[in-house]
Amino acid sequence: MELGLEEQVFARILTFGKALGSQGACIAGPQVLREYLLNFSRPFIYTTALPPLAIATLAAAYQMLPNMQQERQRLFALSDLLKTTLNAVPGLHVPEESHIIHPVFFPDHAGPAHVKAVAQAAQAQGFDVRAILPPTVPAGTERLRLIVHSYNTEAEIEGLAAVLGRIN
């Protein structure tokens, strides 16, 4: 939309997980793409339609999305707070360009064992922190993966930073 190229896009893949709280995905495009996929896409031919509950969830989500400005603002503020707070913890680095889903790197410690131990220790303190390890990411780029939600609190973010600071 920003560049005004919408009409030049042949196909769009829309996913229904995470933000929409459902499952599945779809491909949106012109009739020729639809006909091609219906007739020649083996994975599509052998899949089943989304269950009615998933369709109802998507319909409700799409009705709610235009009216969630306040929730978005809160989410973005919490996301910024998480970056600022974790970047103040010695030995942690969250890239400034990360947004909502944050990788947390350990520049002073190398290796998957350390990242895995930090994740497990944070989990033991009640935080849903995931270690992302090779082969998912290249060796030497191990990290934690944190996702901010609009229902998180400032206290939870500060508590997570304290835990990560202690166990790092």
Protein backbone atom coordinates (compact mmCIF):
# COMPACT_ATOMS: atom_id res chain seq x y z
CA MET A 1 0.00 0.00 0.00
CA GLU A 2 2.75 2.42 0.90
CA LEU A 3 4.29 2.26 -2.58
CA GLY A 4 0.99 2.00 -4.44
CA LEU A 5 1.84 -1.36 -5.99
CA GLU A 6 -1.25 -3.32 -4.89
CA GLU A 7 -2.54 -3.71 -8.43
CA GLN A 8 0.79 -5.18 -9.58
CA VAL A 9 0.78 -8.01 -7.02
CA PHE A 10 -0.12 -11.32 -8.67
CA ALA A 11 -0.75 -13.32 -5.51
CA ARG A 12 -0.92 -12.74 -1.78
CA ILE A 13 -0.52 -15.28 0.96
CA LEU A 14 -2.60 -14.49 4.02
CA THR A 15 -1.88 -16.42 7.21
CA PHE A 16 -4.50 -16.86 9.90
CA GLY A 17 -2.35 -17.76 12.90
CA LYS A 18 -0.87 -15.52 15.59
CA ALA A 19 -2.58 -12.12 15.18
CA LEU A 20 -5.88 -13.60 14.00
CA GLY A 21 -5.93 -16.34 16.60
CA SER A 22 -6.89 -19.09 14.18
CA GLN A 23 -5.17 -21.52 11.84
CA GLY A 24 -4.45 -22.01 8.18
CA ALA A 25 -3.79 -19.63 5.32
CA CYS A 26 -5.08 -18.68 1.92
CA ILE A 27 -3.76 -17.47 -1.41
CA ALA A 28 -5.56 -14.49 -2.93
CA GLY A 29 -5.13 -13.65 -6.58
CA PRO A 30 -6.77 -13.45 -9.97
CA GLN A 31 -9.13 -16.05 -11.40
CA VAL A 32 -6.36 -17.60 -13.53
CA LEU A 33 -4.35 -18.34 -10.37
CA ARG A 34 -7.39 -19.83 -8.68
CA GLU A 35 -8.12 -22.09 -11.64
CA TYR A 36 -4.48 -23.18 -11.86
CA LEU A 37 -4.27 -24.04 -8.16
CA LEU A 38 -7.60 -25.88 -8.19
CA ASN A 39 -6.47 -28.06 -11.09
CA PHE A 40 -2.72 -28.51 -10.65
CA SER A 41 -1.70 -27.96 -7.03
CA ARG A 42 -1.35 -31.43 -5.55
CA PRO A 43 -0.97 -30.19 -1.96
CA PHE A 44 -4.17 -28.16 -2.37
CA ILE A 45 -6.09 -31.00 -3.97
CA TYR A 46 -5.38 -33.26 -0.99
CA THR A 47 -6.12 -30.76 1.79
CA THR A 48 -9.34 -30.21 3.63
CA ALA A 49 -11.22 -26.98 4.20
CA LEU A 50 -10.89 -25.11 7.46
CA PRO A 51 -13.32 -26.28 10.12
CA PRO A 52 -16.35 -24.08 10.79
CA LEU A 53 -14.93 -22.89 14.13
CA ALA A 54 -11.80 -21.57 12.37
CA ILE A 55 -13.96 -19.74 9.81
CA ALA A 56 -16.07 -18.20 12.61
CA THR A 57 -12.90 -17.15 14.44
CA LEU A 58 -11.55 -15.49 11.30
CA ALA A 59 -14.83 -13.69 10.63
CA ALA A 60 -14.86 -12.34 14.20
CA ALA A 61 -11.20 -11.32 14.00
CA TYR A 62 -11.69 -9.43 10.74
CA GLN A 63 -14.67 -7.62 12.29
CA MET A 64 -12.61 -6.60 15.32
CA LEU A 65 -9.34 -5.61 13.60
CA PRO A 66 -10.37 -2.16 12.32
CA ASN A 67 -11.38 -1.07 15.84
CA MET A 68 -8.29 -2.14 17.77
CA GLN A 69 -6.18 1.02 17.59
CA GLN A 70 -5.86 1.26 21.38
CA GLU A 71 -4.67 -2.35 21.63
CA ARG A 72 -2.14 -1.77 18.82
CA GLN A 73 -0.77 1.33 20.53
CA ARG A 74 -0.39 -0.58 23.79
CA LEU A 75 1.30 -3.47 22.00
CA PHE A 76 3.78 -1.15 20.26
CA ALA A 77 4.52 0.65 23.54
CA LEU A 78 5.15 -2.67 25.32
CA SER A 79 7.33 -3.79 22.43
CA ASP A 80 9.45 -0.64 22.72
CA LEU A 81 9.64 -1.06 26.49
CA LEU A 82 10.86 -4.64 26.09
CA LYS A 83 13.63 -3.58 23.69
CA THR A 84 14.75 -0.70 25.89
CA THR A 85 14.61 -2.73 29.10
CA LEU A 86 16.46 -5.77 27.72
CA ASN A 87 19.09 -3.68 25.95
CA ALA A 88 19.88 -2.13 29.35
CA VAL A 89 20.74 -5.59 30.71
CA PRO A 90 24.47 -6.27 30.34
CA GLY A 91 25.15 -9.16 27.96
CA LEU A 92 21.83 -8.95 26.09
CA HIS A 93 21.09 -7.41 22.71
CA VAL A 94 17.70 -6.92 21.06
CA PRO A 95 17.95 -5.42 17.56
CA GLU A 96 16.30 -2.02 17.30
CA GLU A 97 14.44 -3.09 14.15
CA SER A 98 12.69 -6.01 15.89
CA HIS A 99 8.99 -5.53 16.39
CA ILE A 100 6.56 -7.61 18.47
CA ILE A 101 8.60 -10.81 17.93
CA HIS A 102 12.02 -10.09 19.42
CA PRO A 103 15.25 -12.03 19.09
CA VAL A 104 17.47 -11.71 22.15
CA PHE A 105 21.16 -12.27 21.42
CA PHE A 106 24.01 -12.94 23.85
CA PRO A 107 27.05 -11.24 22.31
CA ASP A 108 29.29 -12.14 25.29
CA HIS A 109 28.35 -15.82 25.42
CA ALA A 110 28.53 -18.20 22.52
CA GLY A 111 26.85 -21.48 22.01
CA PRO A 112 23.51 -23.17 22.10
CA ALA A 113 24.05 -24.64 25.57
CA HIS A 114 24.12 -21.20 27.16
CA VAL A 115 21.03 -19.96 25.30
CA LYS A 116 19.15 -23.16 26.11
CA ALA A 117 20.10 -22.88 29.80
CA VAL A 118 18.91 -19.26 29.95
CA ALA A 119 15.60 -20.20 28.31
CA GLN A 120 15.06 -23.09 30.71
CA ALA A 121 15.84 -20.92 33.72
CA ALA A 122 13.39 -18.24 32.52
CA GLN A 123 10.75 -20.91 31.94
CA ALA A 124 11.27 -22.17 35.49
CA GLN A 125 10.42 -18.62 36.64
CA GLY A 126 7.15 -18.70 34.69
CA PHE A 127 8.18 -16.91 31.49
CA ASP A 128 7.38 -18.47 28.11
CA VAL A 129 10.82 -17.97 26.59
CA ARG A 130 12.04 -20.12 23.70
CA ALA A 131 15.59 -20.90 22.67
CA ILE A 132 16.15 -20.78 18.92
CA LEU A 133 19.09 -23.02 18.12
CA PRO A 134 20.85 -24.54 15.09
CA PRO A 135 19.81 -25.85 12.65
CA THR A 136 16.86 -23.42 12.83
CA VAL A 137 19.36 -20.55 12.84
CA PRO A 138 23.01 -20.61 11.75
CA ALA A 139 25.55 -21.71 14.37
CA GLY A 140 26.80 -18.70 16.27
CA THR A 141 23.48 -16.84 15.99
CA GLU A 142 21.62 -18.68 18.76
CA ARG A 143 19.01 -16.53 20.47
CA LEU A 144 15.91 -16.39 22.58
CA ARG A 145 12.60 -15.63 20.95
CA LEU A 146 10.20 -13.38 22.83
CA ILE A 147 6.74 -12.36 21.69
CA VAL A 148 5.01 -9.38 23.24
CA HIS A 149 1.23 -9.45 23.66
CA SER A 150 -1.06 -6.52 24.42
CA TYR A 151 -2.13 -8.23 27.65
CA ASN A 152 1.44 -8.30 28.98
CA THR A 153 2.23 -5.81 31.72
CA GLU A 154 5.15 -3.48 32.32
CA ALA A 155 5.83 -5.42 35.52
CA GLU A 156 6.11 -8.67 33.55
CA ILE A 157 8.62 -7.11 31.17
CA GLU A 158 10.67 -5.73 34.05
CA GLY A 159 10.45 -9.10 35.81
CA LEU A 160 11.67 -10.90 32.69
CA ALA A 161 14.58 -8.47 32.35
CA ALA A 162 15.51 -9.07 35.99
CA VAL A 163 15.41 -12.83 35.53
CA LEU A 164 17.46 -12.70 32.33
CA GLY A 165 19.97 -10.37 33.99
CA ARG A 166 20.42 -12.78 36.91
CA ILE A 167 20.78 -15.94 34.85
CA ASN A 168 22.87 -14.54 32.02
